C-alpha atoms as a PDB file:
ATOM      1  CA  LEU A   1      14.533-260.694-100.110  1.00  0.00           C
ATOM      2  CA  CYS A   2      11.326-260.676 -98.100  1.00  0.00           C
ATOM      3  CA  SER A   3       8.886-262.506-100.375  1.00  0.00           C
ATOM      4  CA  THR A   4       8.452-265.845-102.061  1.00  0.00           C
ATOM      5  CA  SER A   5      11.051-265.738-104.830  1.00  0.00           C
ATOM      6  CA  ALA A   6      14.468-264.294-105.551  1.00  0.00           C
ATOM      7  CA  THR A   7      13.051-262.249-108.429  1.00  0.00           C
ATOM      8  CA  GLU A   8      10.350-260.733-106.243  1.00  0.00           C
ATOM      9  CA  ARG A   9      12.831-260.096-103.454  1.00  0.00           C
ATOM     10  CA  ARG A  10      15.207-258.215-105.731  1.00  0.00           C
ATOM     11  CA  SER A  11      12.372-256.174-107.198  1.00  0.00           C
ATOM     12  CA  GLN A  12      11.477-255.003-103.682  1.00  0.00           C
ATOM     13  CA  CYS A  13      15.020-254.057-102.572  1.00  0.00           C
ATOM     14  CA  MET A  14      14.175-250.394-102.663  1.00  0.00           C
ATOM     15  CA  GLY A  15      17.250-248.397-101.745  1.00  0.00           C
ATOM     16  CA  PHE A  16      19.410-251.405-100.863  1.00  0.00           C
ATOM     17  CA  PRO A  17      22.658-252.198-102.689  1.00  0.00           C
ATOM     18  CA  PRO A  18      22.058-254.879-105.363  1.00  0.00           C
ATOM     19  CA  GLY A  19      24.716-257.145-103.879  1.00  0.00           C
ATOM     20  CA  ILE A  20      22.888-257.357-100.565  1.00  0.00           C
ATOM     21  CA  CYS A  21      19.598-258.199-102.237  1.00  0.00           C
ATOM     22  CA  ALA A  22      21.200-260.915-104.325  1.00  0.00           C
ATOM     23  CA  MET A  23      22.852-262.539-101.317  1.00  0.00           C
ATOM     24  CA  LEU A  24      19.953-262.660 -98.882  1.00  0.00           C
ATOM     25  CA  SER A  25      18.207-265.987 -98.465  1.00  0.00           C
ATOM     26  CA  THR A  26      14.572-266.670 -99.159  1.00  0.00           C
ATOM     27  CA  GLY A  27      12.393-264.955 -96.617  1.00  0.00           C
ATOM     28  CA  PRO A  28       8.911-265.751 -95.371  1.00  0.00           C
ATOM     29  CA  ALA A  29       6.047-266.213 -97.801  1.00  0.00           C
ATOM     30  CA  GLU A  30       4.910-262.679 -97.219  1.00  0.00           C
ATOM     31  CA  GLY A  31       5.249-259.679 -99.472  1.00  0.00           C
ATOM     32  CA  GLY A  32       6.451-256.242 -98.582  1.00  0.00           C
ATOM     33  CA  ALA A  33       9.588-254.188 -98.767  1.00  0.00           C
ATOM     34  CA  CYS A  34      12.521-255.073 -96.558  1.00  0.00           C
ATOM     35  CA  ILE A  35      13.512-253.054 -93.513  1.00  0.00           C
ATOM     36  CA  ALA A  36      17.177-253.033 -92.526  1.00  0.00           C
ATOM     37  CA  THR A  37      17.031-253.814 -88.806  1.00  0.00           C
ATOM     38  CA  PHE A  38      20.075-253.070 -86.657  1.00  0.00           C
ATOM     39  CA  GLY A  39      20.530-255.380 -83.676  1.00  0.00           C
ATOM     40  CA  PHE A  40      23.099-254.148 -81.148  1.00  0.00           C
ATOM     41  CA  GLY A  41      21.837-255.987 -78.046  1.00  0.00           C
ATOM     42  CA  SER A  42      20.613-259.541 -77.682  1.00  0.00           C
ATOM     43  CA  ASN A  43      18.941-259.750 -81.103  1.00  0.00           C
ATOM     44  CA  SER A  44      21.476-261.911 -82.898  1.00  0.00           C
ATOM     45  CA  VAL A  45      20.367-263.590 -86.106  1.00  0.00           C
ATOM     46  CA  ARG A  46      19.920-266.876 -84.292  1.00  0.00           C
ATOM     47  CA  GLN A  47      17.784-265.274 -81.601  1.00  0.00           C
ATOM     48  CA  LEU A  48      15.673-263.629 -84.304  1.00  0.00           C
ATOM     49  CA  ARG A  49      15.270-266.978 -86.064  1.00  0.00           C
ATOM     50  CA  GLY A  50      13.771-268.385 -82.888  1.00  0.00           C
ATOM     51  CA  ARG A  51      11.580-265.387 -82.152  1.00  0.00           C
ATOM     52  CA  LEU A  52      10.280-265.035 -85.714  1.00  0.00           C
ATOM     53  CA  ASN A  53      10.269-268.732 -86.659  1.00  0.00           C
ATOM     54  CA  ASP A  54      12.226-267.934 -89.813  1.00  0.00           C
ATOM     55  CA  HIS A  55      15.334-270.044 -90.274  1.00  0.00           C
ATOM     56  CA  THR A  56      16.341-268.308 -93.518  1.00  0.00           C
ATOM     57  CA  LEU A  57      17.341-265.033 -91.859  1.00  0.00           C
ATOM     58  CA  ARG A  58      20.965-264.055 -92.288  1.00  0.00           C
ATOM     59  CA  GLY A  59      22.991-261.253 -90.793  1.00  0.00           C
ATOM     60  CA  PHE A  60      25.364-258.616 -92.085  1.00  0.00           C
ATOM     61  CA  PRO A  61      27.836-256.681 -89.918  1.00  0.00           C
ATOM     62  CA  ALA A  62      26.603-253.152 -89.331  1.00  0.00           C
ATOM     63  CA  ARG A  63      27.511-250.017 -87.428  1.00  0.00           C
ATOM     64  CA  ILE A  64      26.143-246.590 -86.543  1.00  0.00           C
ATOM     65  CA  ARG A  65      28.568-243.726 -86.094  1.00  0.00           C
ATOM     66  CA  GLY A  66      27.968-241.231 -83.302  1.00  0.00           C
ATOM     67  CA  GLN A  67      26.153-243.820 -81.158  1.00  0.00           C
ATOM     68  CA  VAL A  68      27.443-246.213 -78.512  1.00  0.00           C
ATOM     69  CA  LEU A  69      26.117-249.199 -76.553  1.00  0.00           C
ATOM     70  CA  ALA A  70      24.738-248.520 -73.061  1.00  0.00           C
ATOM     71  CA  PHE A  71      22.606-250.380 -70.518  1.00  0.00           C
ATOM     72  CA  ALA A  72      19.611-249.433 -68.394  1.00  0.00           C
ATOM     73  CA  GLY A  73      16.844-251.114 -66.442  1.00  0.00           C
ATOM     74  CA  PRO A  74      15.183-252.536 -64.559  1.00  0.00           C
ATOM     75  CA  ASN A  75      14.662-255.680 -66.639  1.00  0.00           C
ATOM     76  CA  TYR A  76      13.386-258.987 -65.283  1.00  0.00           C
ATOM     77  CA  SER A  77      13.027-261.251 -68.338  1.00  0.00           C
ATOM     78  CA  TRP A  78      16.812-261.646 -68.735  1.00  0.00           C
ATOM     79  CA  ALA A  79      17.575-261.700 -64.992  1.00  0.00           C
ATOM     80  CA  HIS A  80      18.707-265.321 -64.626  1.00  0.00           C
ATOM     81  CA  ASP A  81      21.682-264.803 -62.322  1.00  0.00           C
ATOM     82  CA  ASP A  82      21.620-266.704 -59.055  1.00  0.00           C
ATOM     83  CA  ASP A  83      22.312-263.659 -56.885  1.00  0.00           C
ATOM     84  CA  ARG A  84      19.895-261.060 -58.289  1.00  0.00           C
ATOM     85  CA  ASP A  85      16.514-260.879 -59.958  1.00  0.00           C
ATOM     86  CA  VAL A  86      16.920-257.665 -61.933  1.00  0.00           C
ATOM     87  CA  GLY A  87      19.307-256.420 -64.589  1.00  0.00           C
ATOM     88  CA  GLY A  88      19.782-253.985 -67.430  1.00  0.00           C
ATOM     89  CA  THR A  89      19.301-254.292 -71.168  1.00  0.00           C
ATOM     90  CA  ALA A  90      20.873-252.551 -74.126  1.00  0.00           C
ATOM     91  CA  THR A  91      20.155-249.179 -75.643  1.00  0.00           C
ATOM     92  CA  LEU A  92      22.066-246.631 -77.696  1.00  0.00           C
ATOM     93  CA  ILE A  93      23.203-243.186 -76.579  1.00  0.00           C
ATOM     94  CA  SER A  94      24.728-240.369 -78.597  1.00  0.00           C
ATOM     95  CA  GLN A  95      28.478-240.076 -78.191  1.00  0.00           C
ATOM     96  CA  ALA A  96      30.709-238.168 -80.576  1.00  0.00           C
ATOM     97  CA  ASP A  97      33.636-240.077 -82.070  1.00  0.00           C
ATOM     98  CA  SER A  98      32.087-243.421 -81.042  1.00  0.00           C
ATOM     99  CA  THR A  99      30.579-246.206 -83.125  1.00  0.00           C
ATOM    100  CA  ALA A 100      27.942-248.753 -82.163  1.00  0.00           C
ATOM    101  CA  LEU A 101      28.535-252.201 -83.629  1.00  0.00           C
ATOM    102  CA  GLY A 102      25.836-254.738 -84.393  1.00  0.00           C
ATOM    103  CA  THR A 103      24.225-257.010 -86.942  1.00  0.00           C
ATOM    104  CA  CYS A 104      21.790-256.012 -89.689  1.00  0.00           C
ATOM    105  CA  VAL A 105      18.945-258.350 -90.644  1.00  0.00           C
ATOM    106  CA  PHE A 106      16.406-257.543 -93.350  1.00  0.00           C
ATOM    107  CA  LEU A 107      12.847-258.002 -92.056  1.00  0.00           C
ATOM    108  CA  THR A 108       9.341-257.407 -93.299  1.00  0.00           C
ATOM    109  CA  GLU A 109       6.976-255.054 -91.502  1.00  0.00           C
ATOM    110  CA  GLY A 110       5.047-258.146 -90.391  1.00  0.00           C
ATOM    111  CA  GLN A 111       8.152-259.602 -88.779  1.00  0.00           C
ATOM    112  CA  LEU A 112       8.924-256.286 -87.098  1.00  0.00           C
ATOM    113  CA  SER A 113       5.395-256.258 -85.690  1.00  0.00           C
ATOM    114  CA  VAL A 114       6.076-259.634 -84.068  1.00  0.00           C
ATOM    115  CA  LEU A 115       9.410-258.367 -82.773  1.00  0.00           C
ATOM    116  CA  ASP A 116       7.657-255.296 -81.341  1.00  0.00           C
ATOM    117  CA  GLY A 117       5.916-257.641 -78.923  1.00  0.00           C
ATOM    118  CA  TYR A 118       9.205-259.037 -77.639  1.00  0.00           C
ATOM    119  CA  GLU A 119      10.648-255.539 -77.287  1.00  0.00           C
ATOM    120  CA  GLY A 120       7.650-254.089 -75.454  1.00  0.00           C
ATOM    121  CA  VAL A 121       6.913-251.423 -78.065  1.00  0.00           C
ATOM    122  CA  PRO A 122       6.052-248.633 -77.393  1.00  0.00           C
ATOM    123  CA  THR A 123       6.376-248.581 -73.596  1.00  0.00           C
ATOM    124  CA  VAL A 124       9.735-250.317 -73.013  1.00  0.00           C
ATOM    125  CA  TYR A 125      11.461-250.001 -76.385  1.00  0.00           C
ATOM    126  CA  ASP A 126      10.498-248.127 -79.522  1.00  0.00           C
ATOM    127  CA  ARG A 127      11.777-248.041 -83.081  1.00  0.00           C
ATOM    128  CA  ARG A 128      14.186-245.323 -84.175  1.00  0.00           C
ATOM    129  CA  GLN A 129      15.731-244.557 -87.563  1.00  0.00           C
ATOM    130  CA  PHE A 130      19.463-244.034 -88.075  1.00  0.00           C
ATOM    131  CA  THR A 131      21.875-243.625 -90.924  1.00  0.00           C
ATOM    132  CA  GLY A 132      24.001-246.741 -90.640  1.00  0.00           C
ATOM    133  CA  GLU A 133      26.562-248.720 -92.586  1.00  0.00           C
ATOM    134  CA  VAL A 134      26.301-252.363 -93.606  1.00  0.00           C
ATOM    135  CA  TRP A 135      29.302-254.494 -94.581  1.00  0.00           C
ATOM    136  CA  GLN A 136      28.853-256.213 -97.937  1.00  0.00           C
ATOM    137  CA  ASN A 137      31.332-257.545-100.465  1.00  0.00           C
ATOM    138  CA  GLY A 138      34.278-256.324 -98.442  1.00  0.00           C
ATOM    139  CA  ARG A 139      33.220-252.720 -97.913  1.00  0.00           C
ATOM    140  CA  TRP A 140      30.844-250.533 -95.927  1.00  0.00           C
ATOM    141  CA  GLN A 141      27.655-249.342 -97.631  1.00  0.00           C
ATOM    142  CA  GLN A 142      25.503-246.590 -96.165  1.00  0.00           C
ATOM    143  CA  MET A 143      21.741-247.060 -95.681  1.00  0.00           C
ATOM    144  CA  GLN A 144      18.887-246.219 -93.332  1.00  0.00           C
ATOM    145  CA  VAL A 145      18.428-248.728 -90.517  1.00  0.00           C
ATOM    146  CA  THR A 146      15.812-249.310 -87.837  1.00  0.00           C
ATOM    147  CA  ALA A 147      16.892-249.945 -84.237  1.00  0.00           C
ATOM    148  CA  TYR A 148      15.037-250.530 -80.972  1.00  0.00           C
ATOM    149  CA  LEU A 149      15.952-247.981 -78.282  1.00  0.00           C
ATOM    150  CA  LYS A 150      14.954-248.131 -74.636  1.00  0.00           C
ATOM    151  CA  VAL A 151      12.345-245.513 -73.730  1.00  0.00           C
ATOM    152  CA  ASP A 152      11.048-246.534 -70.304  1.00  0.00           C
ATOM    153  CA  SER A 153      14.123-245.875 -68.173  1.00  0.00           C
ATOM    154  CA  ALA A 154      17.652-244.483 -68.149  1.00  0.00           C
ATOM    155  CA  GLU A 155      18.431-245.957 -64.716  1.00  0.00           C
ATOM    156  CA  TRP A 156      21.673-247.928 -64.438  1.00  0.00           C
ATOM    157  CA  HIS A 157      21.342-251.658 -63.873  1.00  0.00           C
ATOM    158  CA  ALA A 158      24.203-253.986 -64.728  1.00  0.00           C
ATOM    159  CA  PRO A 159      23.140-256.557 -67.346  1.00  0.00           C
ATOM    160  CA  SER A 160      22.854-260.166 -66.240  1.00  0.00           C
ATOM    161  CA  GLU A 161      25.417-262.751 -67.269  1.00  0.00           C
ATOM    162  CA  ALA A 162      22.907-264.338 -69.651  1.00  0.00           C
ATOM    163  CA  TYR A 163      22.259-260.984 -71.291  1.00  0.00           C
ATOM    164  CA  CYS A 164      25.974-260.244 -71.620  1.00  0.00           C
ATOM    165  CA  CYS A 165      26.363-263.624 -73.333  1.00  0.00           C
ATOM    166  CA  ALA A 166      23.538-262.730 -75.709  1.00  0.00           C
ATOM    167  CA  VAL A 167      24.994-259.330 -76.612  1.00  0.00           C
ATOM    168  CA  LEU A 168      28.481-260.736 -77.130  1.00  0.00           C
ATOM    169  CA  LYS A 169      27.061-263.598 -79.214  1.00  0.00           C
ATOM    170  CA  ASN A 170      25.365-261.064 -81.469  1.00  0.00           C
ATOM    171  CA  ILE A 171      28.201-258.598 -81.935  1.00  0.00           C
ATOM    172  CA  SER A 172      31.045-261.122 -82.132  1.00  0.00           C
ATOM    173  CA  SER A 173      29.158-263.087 -84.786  1.00  0.00           C
ATOM    174  CA  SER A 174      29.608-260.079 -87.064  1.00  0.00           C
ATOM    175  CA  PHE A 175      32.895-258.886 -85.568  1.00  0.00           C
ATOM    176  CA  PRO A 176      34.852-261.994 -84.492  1.00  0.00           C
ATOM    177  CA  GLY A 177      37.711-259.893 -83.112  1.00  0.00           C
ATOM    178  CA  LEU A 178      35.474-258.411 -80.419  1.00  0.00           C
ATOM    179  CA  THR A 179      35.889-260.178 -77.080  1.00  0.00           C
ATOM    180  CA  THR A 180      35.044-257.498 -74.488  1.00  0.00           C
ATOM    181  CA  LEU A 181      31.858-255.603 -73.697  1.00  0.00           C
ATOM    182  CA  GLN A 182      32.043-252.177 -72.112  1.00  0.00           C
ATOM    183  CA  LEU A 183      29.173-251.909 -69.636  1.00  0.00           C
ATOM    184  CA  ARG A 184      28.256-248.262 -69.951  1.00  0.00           C
ATOM    185  CA  ASP A 185      25.425-246.324 -68.300  1.00  0.00           C
ATOM    186  CA  THR A 186      23.233-243.863 -70.170  1.00  0.00           C
ATOM    187  CA  THR A 187      25.409-240.911 -69.132  1.00  0.00           C
ATOM    188  CA  GLY A 188      28.283-242.499 -71.049  1.00  0.00           C
ATOM    189  CA  GLU A 189      30.260-243.635 -67.998  1.00  0.00           C
ATOM    190  CA  VAL A 190      31.862-247.069 -68.364  1.00  0.00           C
ATOM    191  CA  ARG A 191      30.941-248.886 -65.138  1.00  0.00           C
ATOM    192  CA  SER A 192      32.891-252.068 -65.897  1.00  0.00           C
ATOM    193  CA  GLU A 193      33.973-254.436 -68.659  1.00  0.00           C
ATOM    194  CA  TRP A 194      32.825-257.991 -69.302  1.00  0.00           C
ATOM    195  CA  GLN A 195      34.523-260.901 -71.022  1.00  0.00           C
ATOM    196  CA  HIS A 196      33.103-264.364 -71.514  1.00  0.00           C
ATOM    197  CA  PRO A 197      34.475-266.507 -68.651  1.00  0.00           C
ATOM    198  CA  GLY A 198      34.229-269.822 -70.506  1.00  0.00           C
ATOM    199  CA  PHE A 199      31.216-272.093 -70.788  1.00  0.00           C
ATOM    200  CA  SER A 200      32.025-274.312 -67.816  1.00  0.00           C
ATOM    201  CA  THR A 201      32.150-271.378 -65.404  1.00  0.00           C
ATOM    202  CA  LEU A 202      28.927-269.698 -66.524  1.00  0.00           C
ATOM    203  CA  GLY A 203      25.927-269.653 -64.246  1.00  0.00           C
ATOM    204  CA  LEU A 204      23.161-272.057 -65.180  1.00  0.00           C
ATOM    205  CA  GLY A 205      20.913-269.402 -66.746  1.00  0.00           C
ATOM    206  CA  ALA A 206      23.653-268.037 -68.981  1.00  0.00           C
ATOM    207  CA  PHE A 207      24.735-271.545 -69.985  1.00  0.00           C
ATOM    208  CA  LEU A 208      21.174-272.412 -70.980  1.00  0.00           C
ATOM    209  CA  PHE A 209      21.110-269.333 -73.202  1.00  0.00           C
ATOM    210  CA  GLU A 210      24.273-270.587 -74.928  1.00  0.00           C
ATOM    211  CA  VAL A 211      22.604-273.959 -75.528  1.00  0.00           C
ATOM    212  CA  GLY A 212      19.232-272.652 -76.663  1.00  0.00           C
ATOM    213  CA  VAL A 213      20.585-270.090 -79.118  1.00  0.00           C
ATOM    214  CA  ARG A 214      22.625-272.778 -80.905  1.00  0.00           C
ATOM    215  CA  LYS A 215      19.754-275.167 -81.667  1.00  0.00           C
ATOM    216  CA  ARG A 216      18.771-275.728 -85.279  1.00  0.00           C
ATOM    217  CA  ASN A 217      15.444-274.267 -84.242  1.00  0.00           C
ATOM    218  CA  PRO A 218      16.608-271.797 -81.585  1.00  0.00           C
ATOM    219  CA  TRP A 219      14.664-271.300 -78.386  1.00  0.00           C
ATOM    220  CA  GLN A 220      12.377-268.299 -78.039  1.00  0.00           C
ATOM    221  CA  LEU A 221      14.670-266.244 -75.858  1.00  0.00           C
ATOM    222  CA  PRO A 222      14.767-265.283 -73.093  1.00  0.00           C
ATOM    223  CA  ARG A 223      11.419-266.788 -72.141  1.00  0.00           C
ATOM    224  CA  ALA A 224      12.593-270.399 -72.555  1.00  0.00           C
ATOM    225  CA  ILE A 225      15.477-270.036 -70.086  1.00  0.00           C
ATOM    226  CA  GLY A 226      13.398-269.789 -66.898  1.00  0.00           C
ATOM    227  CA  PRO A 227      11.364-273.015 -67.260  1.00  0.00           C
ATOM    228  CA  ALA A 228      14.473-275.005 -68.225  1.00  0.00           C
ATOM    229  CA  LYS A 229      16.462-273.601 -65.309  1.00  0.00           C
ATOM    230  CA  ARG A 230      13.699-274.308 -62.777  1.00  0.00           C
ATOM    231  CA  GLN A 231      13.357-277.889 -63.985  1.00  0.00           C
ATOM    232  CA  LEU A 232      17.098-278.490 -63.739  1.00  0.00           C
ATOM    233  CA  LEU A 233      17.258-277.019 -60.250  1.00  0.00           C
ATOM    234  CA  LYS A 234      14.514-279.434 -59.200  1.00  0.00           C
ATOM    235  CA  GLN A 235      16.762-282.245 -60.408  1.00  0.00           C
ATOM    236  CA  GLY A 236      19.662-280.902 -58.350  1.00  0.00           C
ATOM    237  CA  VAL A 237      21.502-279.388 -61.333  1.00  0.00           C
ATOM    238  CA  ALA A 238      22.812-275.971 -60.280  1.00  0.00           C
ATOM    239  CA  ARG A 239      25.945-275.668 -62.463  1.00  0.00           C
ATOM    240  CA  PRO A 240      26.690-276.583 -66.101  1.00  0.00           C
ATOM    241  CA  GLU A 241      29.115-279.395 -65.231  1.00  0.00           C
ATOM    242  CA  ALA A 242      26.471-281.036 -63.036  1.00  0.00           C
ATOM    243  CA  LEU A 243      24.266-281.283 -66.109  1.00  0.00           C
ATOM    244  CA  LEU A 244      26.583-283.871 -67.637  1.00  0.00           C
ATOM    245  CA  THR A 245      26.559-285.983 -64.481  1.00  0.00           C
ATOM    246  CA  SER A 246      22.763-285.951 -64.380  1.00  0.00           C
ATOM    247  CA  ALA A 247      22.567-286.723 -68.099  1.00  0.00           C
ATOM    248  CA  SER A 248      24.837-289.757 -67.650  1.00  0.00           C
ATOM    249  CA  THR A 249      22.545-291.015 -64.892  1.00  0.00           C
ATOM    250  CA  VAL A 250      19.497-290.571 -67.111  1.00  0.00           C
ATOM    251  CA  GLU A 251      21.212-292.411 -69.988  1.00  0.00           C
ATOM    252  CA  GLU A 252      22.114-295.324 -67.722  1.00  0.00           C
ATOM    253  CA  GLU A 253      18.513-295.627 -66.542  1.00  0.00           C
ATOM    254  CA  ASP A 254      17.185-295.361 -70.104  1.00  0.00           C
ATOM    255  CA  SER A 255      19.576-298.028 -71.360  1.00  0.00           C
ATOM    256  CA  LYS A 256      18.230-300.493 -68.816  1.00  0.00           C
ATOM    257  CA  GLU A 257      14.636-299.919 -69.922  1.00  0.00           C
ATOM    258  CA  ALA A 258      15.140-299.359 -73.683  1.00  0.00           C
ATOM    259  CA  PRO A 259      18.733-299.657 -74.921  1.00  0.00           C
ATOM    260  CA  SER A 260      18.043-297.779 -78.178  1.00  0.00           C
ATOM    261  CA  SER A 261      16.266-294.790 -76.654  1.00  0.00           C
ATOM    262  CA  LYS A 262      17.605-291.505 -75.355  1.00  0.00           C
ATOM    263  CA  SER A 263      15.285-289.193 -73.464  1.00  0.00           C
ATOM    264  CA  PHE A 264      16.248-286.300 -71.224  1.00  0.00           C
ATOM    265  CA  ALA A 265      12.667-285.242 -70.502  1.00  0.00           C
ATOM    266  CA  SER A 266      13.267-285.219 -66.752  1.00  0.00           C
ATOM    267  CA  LEU A 267      15.971-282.609 -67.341  1.00  0.00           C
ATOM    268  CA  HIS A 268      13.702-280.526 -69.594  1.00  0.00           C
ATOM    269  CA  LEU A 269      16.223-280.993 -72.414  1.00  0.00           C
ATOM    270  CA  ASP A 270      16.221-283.027 -75.622  1.00  0.00           C
ATOM    271  CA  GLU A 271      19.034-284.978 -77.245  1.00  0.00           C
ATOM    272  CA  GLU A 272      20.118-282.091 -79.480  1.00  0.00           C
ATOM    273  CA  GLU A 273      20.358-279.776 -76.482  1.00  0.00           C
ATOM    274  CA  MET A 274      22.447-282.287 -74.555  1.00  0.00           C
ATOM    275  CA  THR A 275      24.753-282.699 -77.569  1.00  0.00           C
ATOM    276  CA  ILE A 276      25.264-278.934 -77.683  1.00  0.00           C
ATOM    277  CA  ALA A 277      25.850-278.822 -73.923  1.00  0.00           C
ATOM    278  CA  ARG A 278      28.508-281.534 -74.122  1.00  0.00           C
ATOM    279  CA  HIS A 279      30.170-279.763 -77.026  1.00  0.00           C
ATOM    280  CA  LEU A 280      30.285-276.446 -75.170  1.00  0.00           C
ATOM    281  CA  LEU A 281      31.755-278.103 -72.104  1.00  0.00           C
ATOM    282  CA  GLY A 282      34.431-279.813 -74.156  1.00  0.00           C
ATOM    283  CA  HIS A 283      33.255-283.370 -73.731  1.00  0.00           C
ATOM    284  CA  SER A 284      32.482-283.957 -77.411  1.00  0.00           C
ATOM    285  CA  PRO A 285      35.345-282.362 -79.353  1.00  0.00           C
ATOM    286  CA  GLY A 286      34.315-284.116 -82.568  1.00  0.00           C
ATOM    287  CA  VAL A 287      30.841-282.558 -82.575  1.00  0.00           C
ATOM    288  CA  SER A 288      30.400-279.243 -84.367  1.00  0.00           C
ATOM    289  CA  VAL A 289      27.366-277.001 -84.419  1.00  0.00           C
ATOM    290  CA  VAL A 290      27.038-275.450 -87.874  1.00  0.00           C
ATOM    291  CA  ASP A 291      26.017-271.788 -87.824  1.00  0.00           C
ATOM    292  CA  ASP A 292      24.846-270.458 -91.168  1.00  0.00           C
ATOM    293  CA  SER A 293      23.312-267.310 -89.728  1.00  0.00           C
ATOM    294  CA  GLN A 294      26.013-264.870 -90.849  1.00  0.00           C
ATOM    295  CA  ALA A 295      26.235-263.811 -94.479  1.00  0.00           C
ATOM    296  CA  GLU A 296      29.491-261.946 -93.821  1.00  0.00           C
ATOM    297  CA  GLN A 297      31.911-261.020 -91.058  1.00  0.00           C
ATOM    298  CA  VAL A 298      34.160-258.008 -90.655  1.00  0.00           C
ATOM    299  CA  PRO A 299      37.915-258.238 -90.093  1.00  0.00           C
ATOM    300  CA  ALA A 300      38.995-256.613 -86.848  1.00  0.00           C
ATOM    301  CA  ALA A 301      40.979-253.941 -88.686  1.00  0.00           C
ATOM    302  CA  ALA A 302      37.883-252.783 -90.603  1.00  0.00           C
ATOM    303  CA  ALA A 303      35.447-252.563 -87.689  1.00  0.00           C
ATOM    304  CA  PHE A 304      36.083-248.877 -87.018  1.00  0.00           C
ATOM    305  CA  SER A 305      37.924-247.783 -90.157  1.00  0.00           C
END
């Protein structure tokens, strides 16, 4: 589970259902018991792989009854919209008869310590314990989970488009039937709803998130978005579709100098990133990006049953 061999991992699955321990992939070469970590905001498995440099992590659908997703701020690290430089990020609030959906990943204490740095523990977010449920082998299994809750502010700030993409990427990876986010403040009031508008109509910052999170070695998010966006803006690329035009120009220039080479350094992107971008924009229908990050997914009918 969280050590160097399957035998060691299973021996350390204290309190976890045997099926979960048997299914989890090899973790980092570091001992220690596993901690069931509930991600309900941007921390999808792929984002965690980039942040923790562990490409073996896999996710299980999870939920916490009596809690619900909400947003508060101010946050600046995810604020990559063109019209504002501040936004909100996710937290949980108590709400009877509600259920917070997310993804459970099993991490070591060492990995959680690294994640603490990204979450701003203990001043911005802090760890909290909940009784949750994890979907495994076609049914829900109850266990204790750790989640990061916002502690620095309860002030309403609408999340940025990039952050909405990140949250939807996380939750819909476990619950494919989910297509809408309710943007709720910390009093429980639903301020608005958000649905993905389609890759071609995203702002540049949100589109770069969608590219970076799909890499074989995902970007460290959100910190990698800003430098890439600034570089593209310098090259006159302000919208996703313009990226393809600029890339074609770069390829034409490269082919004149070295016909066998492909370099998108001037765009701050590599060949894999451009392949993903073309795929998302529908220009390479034959290209697929394999995502092995989910161990299981939950049918829509079972999400709240």
